[in-house]
Amino acid sequence: MKKQLVLFYSVLLLITGALKAQDFHLSMYDAAPMFLNPALTGVVDANFRVHAQYRNQWRSVAFKPYNTALISLDAPVGKWGFGGQIMNMRAGVGNYNVLQGLASVSYAVPLDKKKFNNISFGLQAGITQKRVEAALYTFDNQYTNQNGGSFDNSIASGESFNRQSFVTPQINAGFMYFNARQQARLNPFLGYSVFNLSNPKETYYNTNNKLPVRHYVNAGVRINITELFYVLPKVLIMLQKNATEQLYAVDAGYFFKDQEFYLLAGLNYRVKDAGVVYIGARKNNYIAKIGYDANVSGLKDVSKYRGAFELSFTYMAKKSKSKDVRHCPRL
């Protein structure tokens, strides 16, 4: 019980911003293109693309687990790409909630006449609302020894919230290089994206707390072993002030000719945090995946290695009946 209380209050401090924590994230990060990089807006061989993703984390240890939901829509228009994304995160006993709406635009430039090598630039802008229900929190000076010890919300907390909700601007940008040649043995890609460019001020108190800029660097190469089978080693590095995350992964896909679908699978290791496994399938215009995080951090004694599960679903309205799969930086 003591370990659970320590975990609870550590998480509470993190999500209320006292430690200027990193932004929330997804394990199947490249399933959601505009979440990873604005430059991926409209980078799809389809009339338009709709994507939805859901993540549930810390159900094994938290009274109210973390829930993240995302939905996006994007489409190519010539060399341009246009799209929008709505994301919501909810966590903790105080119903801490982050609601974000973004609009994205990108511009793709082929680097050769055959359009095998491409570079895309993207810009994203919108707003983020963050709110809590302060009355639901308890603080150390509300603890009483009466009746064996408990928290009493009728005791003044001594905390003075200037507000329980605020809205801040959100500006992100990025670029992506990728090789899209169908017959190539190797299809490399490299991307860089930066978030919170406006350093928005966010605080529930009267303090000058600013959200640090967040940097993403992702790279990988699709290795086409045969016409039916590929592997895709990849890496994602995230930096936000003093916080760093590193993810190393290998995806694989096998195409079943008779059924005309891809069987997808992947392994992902988030350094000192979690091991992630996912499986999925791609059939015609649809991609579906399910993943699970096994917690391997210092919290594993409490979590019993249980972390999070994640679902993603993508629909692409195809331009034609062609069965060719463009080798973009994601599948």
Protein backbone atom coordinates (compact mmCIF):
# COMPACT_ATOMS: atom_id res chain seq x y z
CA MET A 1 0.00 0.00 0.00
CA LYS A 2 2.88 2.35 0.83
CA LYS A 3 4.39 1.83 -2.65
CA GLN A 4 1.04 2.59 -4.25
CA LEU A 5 0.74 5.87 -2.32
CA VAL A 6 4.26 6.90 -3.32
CA LEU A 7 3.46 6.14 -6.97
CA PHE A 8 0.16 8.04 -6.82
CA TYR A 9 1.67 11.24 -5.45
CA SER A 10 4.62 11.07 -7.85
CA VAL A 11 2.23 10.86 -10.79
CA LEU A 12 0.09 13.65 -9.33
CA LEU A 13 3.07 15.99 -9.17
CA LEU A 14 4.03 15.19 -12.74
CA ILE A 15 0.65 15.81 -14.30
CA THR A 16 0.04 19.06 -12.44
CA GLY A 17 3.19 20.49 -13.99
CA ALA A 18 5.23 20.97 -10.82
CA LEU A 19 8.15 19.20 -12.48
CA LYS A 20 7.56 20.64 -15.96
CA ALA A 21 7.07 17.12 -17.28
CA GLN A 22 7.26 15.94 -20.85
CA ASP A 23 4.20 16.08 -23.07
CA PHE A 24 2.14 12.90 -23.43
CA HIS A 25 3.10 10.40 -26.10
CA LEU A 26 2.04 7.29 -28.01
CA SER A 27 3.95 4.00 -28.36
CA MET A 28 2.72 3.38 -31.92
CA TYR A 29 3.81 6.93 -32.70
CA ASP A 30 4.10 6.63 -36.48
CA ALA A 31 0.61 5.19 -36.87
CA ALA A 32 -0.60 8.79 -36.36
CA PRO A 33 1.24 10.79 -39.06
CA MET A 34 0.49 14.36 -37.95
CA PHE A 35 1.21 13.49 -34.32
CA LEU A 36 4.74 12.49 -35.34
CA ASN A 37 5.53 15.23 -37.84
CA PRO A 38 3.47 17.97 -39.56
CA ALA A 39 5.48 17.27 -42.73
CA LEU A 40 3.59 13.98 -43.08
CA THR A 41 0.30 15.81 -43.64
CA GLY A 42 -1.18 14.50 -46.87
CA VAL A 43 1.79 12.20 -47.58
CA VAL A 44 -0.42 9.32 -48.64
CA ASP A 45 -1.39 7.70 -51.94
CA ALA A 46 -5.10 8.29 -51.47
CA ASN A 47 -7.80 10.92 -51.90
CA PHE A 48 -7.84 11.34 -48.12
CA ARG A 49 -6.92 9.51 -44.93
CA VAL A 50 -8.80 9.17 -41.62
CA HIS A 51 -6.97 7.94 -38.54
CA ALA A 52 -8.07 7.15 -34.97
CA GLN A 53 -5.97 6.00 -32.01
CA TYR A 54 -6.64 5.22 -28.35
CA ARG A 55 -4.27 4.51 -25.44
CA ASN A 56 -5.05 3.41 -21.87
CA GLN A 57 -2.16 3.47 -19.38
CA TRP A 58 -1.48 2.66 -15.69
CA ARG A 59 -4.79 0.88 -15.11
CA SER A 60 -2.89 -1.55 -12.86
CA VAL A 61 -1.80 1.14 -10.40
CA ALA A 62 -3.98 4.24 -10.81
CA PHE A 63 -7.49 4.86 -9.49
CA LYS A 64 -8.16 6.75 -12.73
CA PRO A 65 -5.78 5.58 -15.49
CA TYR A 66 -4.39 7.76 -18.27
CA ASN A 67 -6.55 7.82 -21.41
CA THR A 68 -5.41 9.32 -24.71
CA ALA A 69 -7.62 9.56 -27.80
CA LEU A 70 -6.76 11.01 -31.20
CA ILE A 71 -8.54 11.46 -34.51
CA SER A 72 -7.18 13.06 -37.66
CA LEU A 73 -8.07 13.72 -41.29
CA ASP A 74 -5.66 14.70 -44.06
CA ALA A 75 -5.52 14.76 -47.85
CA PRO A 76 -3.03 15.55 -50.65
CA VAL A 77 -3.76 18.35 -53.12
CA GLY A 78 -1.03 18.32 -55.75
CA LYS A 79 2.25 18.97 -53.95
CA TRP A 80 0.37 20.28 -50.93
CA GLY A 81 -1.15 18.42 -48.01
CA PHE A 82 -3.91 19.67 -45.72
CA GLY A 83 -5.27 18.16 -42.54
CA GLY A 84 -6.53 18.50 -39.01
CA GLN A 85 -6.11 16.62 -35.74
CA ILE A 86 -8.01 16.55 -32.44
CA MET A 87 -6.41 14.93 -29.39
CA ASN A 88 -7.64 14.51 -25.83
CA MET A 89 -5.80 13.21 -22.76
CA ARG A 90 -7.40 12.62 -19.37
CA ALA A 91 -5.65 11.41 -16.23
CA GLY A 92 -5.78 11.22 -12.48
CA VAL A 93 -8.21 11.69 -9.63
CA GLY A 94 -8.39 15.44 -10.33
CA ASN A 95 -9.65 14.80 -13.87
CA TYR A 96 -6.66 16.57 -15.42
CA ASN A 97 -7.62 17.04 -19.07
CA VAL A 98 -5.77 18.21 -22.18
CA LEU A 99 -7.80 18.96 -25.31
CA GLN A 100 -5.92 19.99 -28.44
CA GLY A 101 -7.07 20.97 -31.92
CA LEU A 102 -4.57 21.49 -34.75
CA ALA A 103 -4.62 22.36 -38.44
CA SER A 104 -1.73 21.18 -40.64
CA VAL A 105 -0.32 22.06 -44.03
CA SER A 106 2.64 20.54 -45.87
CA TYR A 107 4.48 20.98 -49.14
CA ALA A 108 6.34 18.11 -50.83
CA VAL A 109 9.25 18.55 -53.23
CA PRO A 110 10.66 15.69 -55.36
CA LEU A 111 14.46 15.67 -55.46
CA ASP A 112 14.73 13.81 -58.77
CA LYS A 113 12.77 13.57 -62.02
CA LYS A 114 11.37 10.12 -61.24
CA LYS A 115 10.20 11.29 -57.80
CA PHE A 116 12.02 8.46 -56.02
CA ASN A 117 13.50 10.81 -53.41
CA ASN A 118 11.24 13.35 -51.77
CA ILE A 119 11.36 15.98 -49.06
CA SER A 120 8.32 17.45 -47.35
CA PHE A 121 7.95 20.51 -45.10
CA GLY A 122 5.07 20.98 -42.68
CA LEU A 123 3.55 23.58 -40.38
CA GLN A 124 0.92 23.01 -37.70
CA ALA A 125 -1.02 25.47 -35.56
CA GLY A 126 -3.93 25.40 -33.15
CA ILE A 127 -4.87 25.67 -29.50
CA THR A 128 -4.56 23.54 -26.38
CA GLN A 129 -6.90 23.67 -23.39
CA LYS A 130 -5.76 22.28 -20.04
CA ARG A 131 -7.98 22.01 -16.99
CA VAL A 132 -8.29 20.32 -13.59
CA GLU A 133 -10.96 19.97 -10.91
CA ALA A 134 -8.98 21.29 -7.96
CA ALA A 135 -11.64 20.35 -5.41
CA LEU A 136 -11.00 16.66 -6.09
CA TYR A 137 -7.33 16.82 -5.04
CA THR A 138 -6.10 16.21 -1.49
CA PHE A 139 -2.98 17.73 0.08
CA ASP A 140 -0.74 16.78 3.00
CA ASN A 141 -2.24 19.34 5.43
CA GLN A 142 -5.67 17.76 4.90
CA TYR A 143 -4.50 14.54 6.50
CA THR A 144 -5.98 13.81 9.91
CA ASN A 145 -5.03 11.18 12.48
CA GLN A 146 -8.62 10.73 13.58
CA ASN A 147 -10.29 7.37 13.02
CA GLY A 148 -7.03 5.68 12.12
CA GLY A 149 -5.89 8.38 9.69
CA SER A 150 -7.45 9.70 6.48
CA PHE A 151 -7.80 12.75 4.25
CA ASP A 152 -10.57 15.24 5.03
CA ASN A 153 -11.56 17.53 2.16
CA SER A 154 -13.36 19.85 4.58
CA ILE A 155 -9.95 20.92 5.95
CA ALA A 156 -8.54 23.92 4.08
CA SER A 157 -5.80 22.79 1.70
CA GLY A 158 -3.87 26.04 1.84
CA GLU A 159 -3.58 25.95 -1.96
CA SER A 160 -4.76 28.90 -4.02
CA PHE A 161 -5.56 28.06 -7.63
CA ASN A 162 -5.83 31.25 -9.71
CA ARG A 163 -7.72 29.27 -12.31
CA GLN A 164 -8.66 25.71 -13.13
CA SER A 165 -8.58 26.01 -16.91
CA PHE A 166 -6.51 27.86 -19.50
CA VAL A 167 -6.01 27.93 -23.28
CA THR A 168 -2.63 28.32 -24.99
CA PRO A 169 -1.51 28.56 -28.64
CA GLN A 170 0.25 25.59 -30.23
CA ILE A 171 2.71 25.93 -33.13
CA ASN A 172 4.68 22.98 -34.56
CA ALA A 173 6.84 22.44 -37.64
CA GLY A 174 8.89 19.72 -39.30
CA PHE A 175 10.48 18.24 -42.39
CA MET A 176 10.77 14.68 -43.71
CA TYR A 177 12.97 13.02 -46.33
CA PHE A 178 11.88 9.66 -47.74
CA ASN A 179 12.62 7.35 -50.64
CA ALA A 180 9.47 6.03 -52.33
CA ARG A 181 10.91 3.88 -55.11
CA GLN A 182 8.79 0.74 -55.46
CA GLN A 183 11.48 -1.56 -56.86
CA ALA A 184 14.25 -0.51 -54.46
CA ARG A 185 15.75 -2.92 -51.95
CA LEU A 186 16.03 -0.10 -49.41
CA ASN A 187 13.64 2.78 -48.69
CA PRO A 188 15.26 5.07 -46.10
CA PHE A 189 13.57 8.00 -44.34
CA LEU A 190 14.64 10.74 -41.93
CA GLY A 191 12.51 13.30 -40.15
CA TYR A 192 12.79 16.15 -37.70
CA SER A 193 9.89 17.90 -35.99
CA VAL A 194 9.65 20.55 -33.28
CA PHE A 195 6.65 21.30 -31.05
CA ASN A 196 5.62 24.13 -28.68
CA LEU A 197 7.49 26.71 -30.75
CA SER A 198 5.66 29.58 -29.04
CA ASN A 199 6.80 28.44 -25.55
CA PRO A 200 3.25 28.93 -24.21
CA LYS A 201 2.84 30.02 -20.60
CA GLU A 202 0.84 27.46 -18.65
CA THR A 203 0.14 27.61 -14.95
CA TYR A 204 -2.73 27.18 -12.51
CA TYR A 205 -0.95 29.58 -10.15
CA ASN A 206 0.43 33.07 -10.72
CA THR A 207 3.82 31.85 -11.97
CA ASN A 208 5.81 32.27 -15.17
CA ASN A 209 5.87 28.57 -16.11
CA LYS A 210 6.47 27.99 -19.83
CA LEU A 211 6.15 24.76 -21.76
CA PRO A 212 9.58 23.84 -23.21
CA VAL A 213 10.12 23.18 -26.90
CA ARG A 214 9.94 19.47 -27.75
CA HIS A 215 12.15 17.95 -30.48
CA TYR A 216 11.57 14.72 -32.39
CA VAL A 217 14.15 13.00 -34.60
CA ASN A 218 13.01 9.82 -36.31
CA ALA A 219 14.76 7.66 -38.89
CA GLY A 220 14.60 4.20 -40.38
CA VAL A 221 14.83 2.13 -43.51
CA ARG A 222 12.35 -0.28 -45.04
CA ILE A 223 14.30 -3.35 -46.19
CA ASN A 224 12.40 -5.24 -48.88
CA ILE A 225 13.69 -8.79 -48.34
CA THR A 226 11.40 -10.19 -51.06
CA GLU A 227 8.40 -8.91 -52.96
CA LEU A 228 6.22 -10.21 -50.13
CA PHE A 229 8.27 -9.62 -46.98
CA TYR A 230 9.91 -6.54 -45.49
CA VAL A 231 11.49 -5.48 -42.20
CA LEU A 232 11.74 -1.90 -41.00
CA PRO A 233 14.24 -0.97 -38.26
CA LYS A 234 13.59 2.52 -36.92
CA VAL A 235 14.44 4.91 -34.10
CA LEU A 236 12.76 7.87 -32.45
CA ILE A 237 14.54 10.28 -30.11
CA MET A 238 12.53 12.88 -28.17
CA LEU A 239 14.06 15.80 -26.29
CA GLN A 240 12.25 18.31 -24.09
CA LYS A 241 14.42 20.45 -21.83
CA ASN A 242 16.06 17.98 -19.39
CA ALA A 243 13.83 15.06 -20.39
CA THR A 244 14.88 12.52 -23.03
CA GLU A 245 13.18 9.47 -24.52
CA GLN A 246 14.69 6.96 -26.93
CA LEU A 247 12.69 4.35 -28.80
CA TYR A 248 14.26 1.57 -30.88
CA ALA A 249 12.00 -0.65 -32.93
CA VAL A 250 11.72 -3.22 -35.70
CA ASP A 251 8.55 -3.58 -37.76
CA ALA A 252 7.81 -6.39 -40.20
CA GLY A 253 5.16 -7.10 -42.80
CA TYR A 254 4.25 -10.11 -44.92
CA PHE A 255 1.86 -9.96 -47.87
CA PHE A 256 -0.51 -12.92 -48.35
CA LYS A 257 -1.28 -12.97 -52.06
CA ASP A 258 -4.34 -15.21 -51.92
CA GLN A 259 -6.09 -13.11 -49.26
CA GLU A 260 -4.53 -9.86 -50.49
CA PHE A 261 -3.59 -8.48 -47.08
CA TYR A 262 -0.49 -7.58 -45.08
CA LEU A 263 0.15 -9.19 -41.71
CA LEU A 264 1.98 -6.62 -39.57
CA ALA A 265 4.02 -6.99 -36.38
CA GLY A 266 6.55 -5.00 -34.42
CA LEU A 267 8.77 -4.79 -31.35
CA ASN A 268 9.64 -1.52 -29.66
CA TYR A 269 11.89 -0.73 -26.70
CA ARG A 270 11.54 2.61 -24.90
CA VAL A 271 14.80 2.90 -22.98
CA LYS A 272 14.45 2.34 -19.21
CA ASP A 273 10.66 2.49 -19.51
CA ALA A 274 8.84 -0.18 -21.51
CA GLY A 275 8.96 -2.99 -24.01
CA VAL A 276 6.20 -2.74 -26.61
CA VAL A 277 4.78 -5.38 -28.94
CA TYR A 278 2.10 -4.88 -31.58
CA ILE A 279 0.31 -6.87 -34.26
CA GLY A 280 -1.94 -5.68 -37.04
CA ALA A 281 -3.16 -6.08 -40.59
CA ARG A 282 -3.60 -4.04 -43.74
CA LYS A 283 -6.43 -5.00 -46.07
CA ASN A 284 -7.30 -2.86 -49.08
CA ASN A 285 -7.95 0.63 -47.68
CA TYR A 286 -7.77 -0.29 -43.99
CA ILE A 287 -4.97 -0.62 -41.42
CA ALA A 288 -5.64 -1.82 -37.87
CA LYS A 289 -3.12 -2.39 -35.06
CA ILE A 290 -3.15 -3.30 -31.38
CA GLY A 291 -0.16 -2.88 -29.08
CA TYR A 292 0.79 -3.47 -25.47
CA ASP A 293 3.42 -1.81 -23.24
CA ALA A 294 5.16 -3.99 -20.62
CA ASN A 295 6.53 -1.65 -17.97
CA VAL A 296 10.22 -2.29 -17.16
CA SER A 297 11.00 0.95 -15.31
CA GLY A 298 11.52 1.41 -11.57
CA LEU A 299 7.72 1.17 -11.18
CA LYS A 300 7.63 -2.47 -12.28
CA ASP A 301 7.48 -3.75 -8.68
CA VAL A 302 4.17 -1.93 -8.30
CA SER A 303 2.84 -2.29 -11.85
CA LYS A 304 3.84 -5.99 -12.11
CA TYR A 305 5.15 -5.12 -15.60
CA ARG A 306 1.69 -3.98 -16.69
CA GLY A 307 1.76 -0.70 -18.62
CA ALA A 308 -0.63 0.28 -21.40
CA PHE A 309 -2.57 -0.99 -24.37
CA GLU A 310 -3.07 0.93 -27.58
CA LEU A 311 -5.37 0.66 -30.60
CA SER A 312 -5.06 2.35 -33.98
CA PHE A 313 -7.23 2.35 -37.09
CA THR A 314 -6.62 4.02 -40.46
CA TYR A 315 -8.88 4.33 -43.50
CA MET A 316 -7.50 5.55 -46.84
CA ALA A 317 -9.82 6.47 -49.71
CA LYS A 318 -7.75 5.18 -52.61
CA LYS A 319 -7.23 7.14 -55.79
CA SER A 320 -7.35 4.02 -57.95
CA LYS A 321 -7.58 0.24 -57.79
CA SER A 322 -3.81 -0.12 -58.03
CA LYS A 323 -2.36 -2.65 -55.57
CA ASP A 324 1.00 -0.87 -55.40
CA VAL A 325 1.94 0.28 -51.92
CA ARG A 326 3.87 3.53 -51.86
CA HIS A 327 6.85 3.23 -49.54
CA CYS A 328 6.18 6.28 -47.39
CA PRO A 329 7.74 6.68 -43.92
CA ARG A 330 4.91 4.69 -42.36
CA LEU A 331 2.62 1.75 -43.13
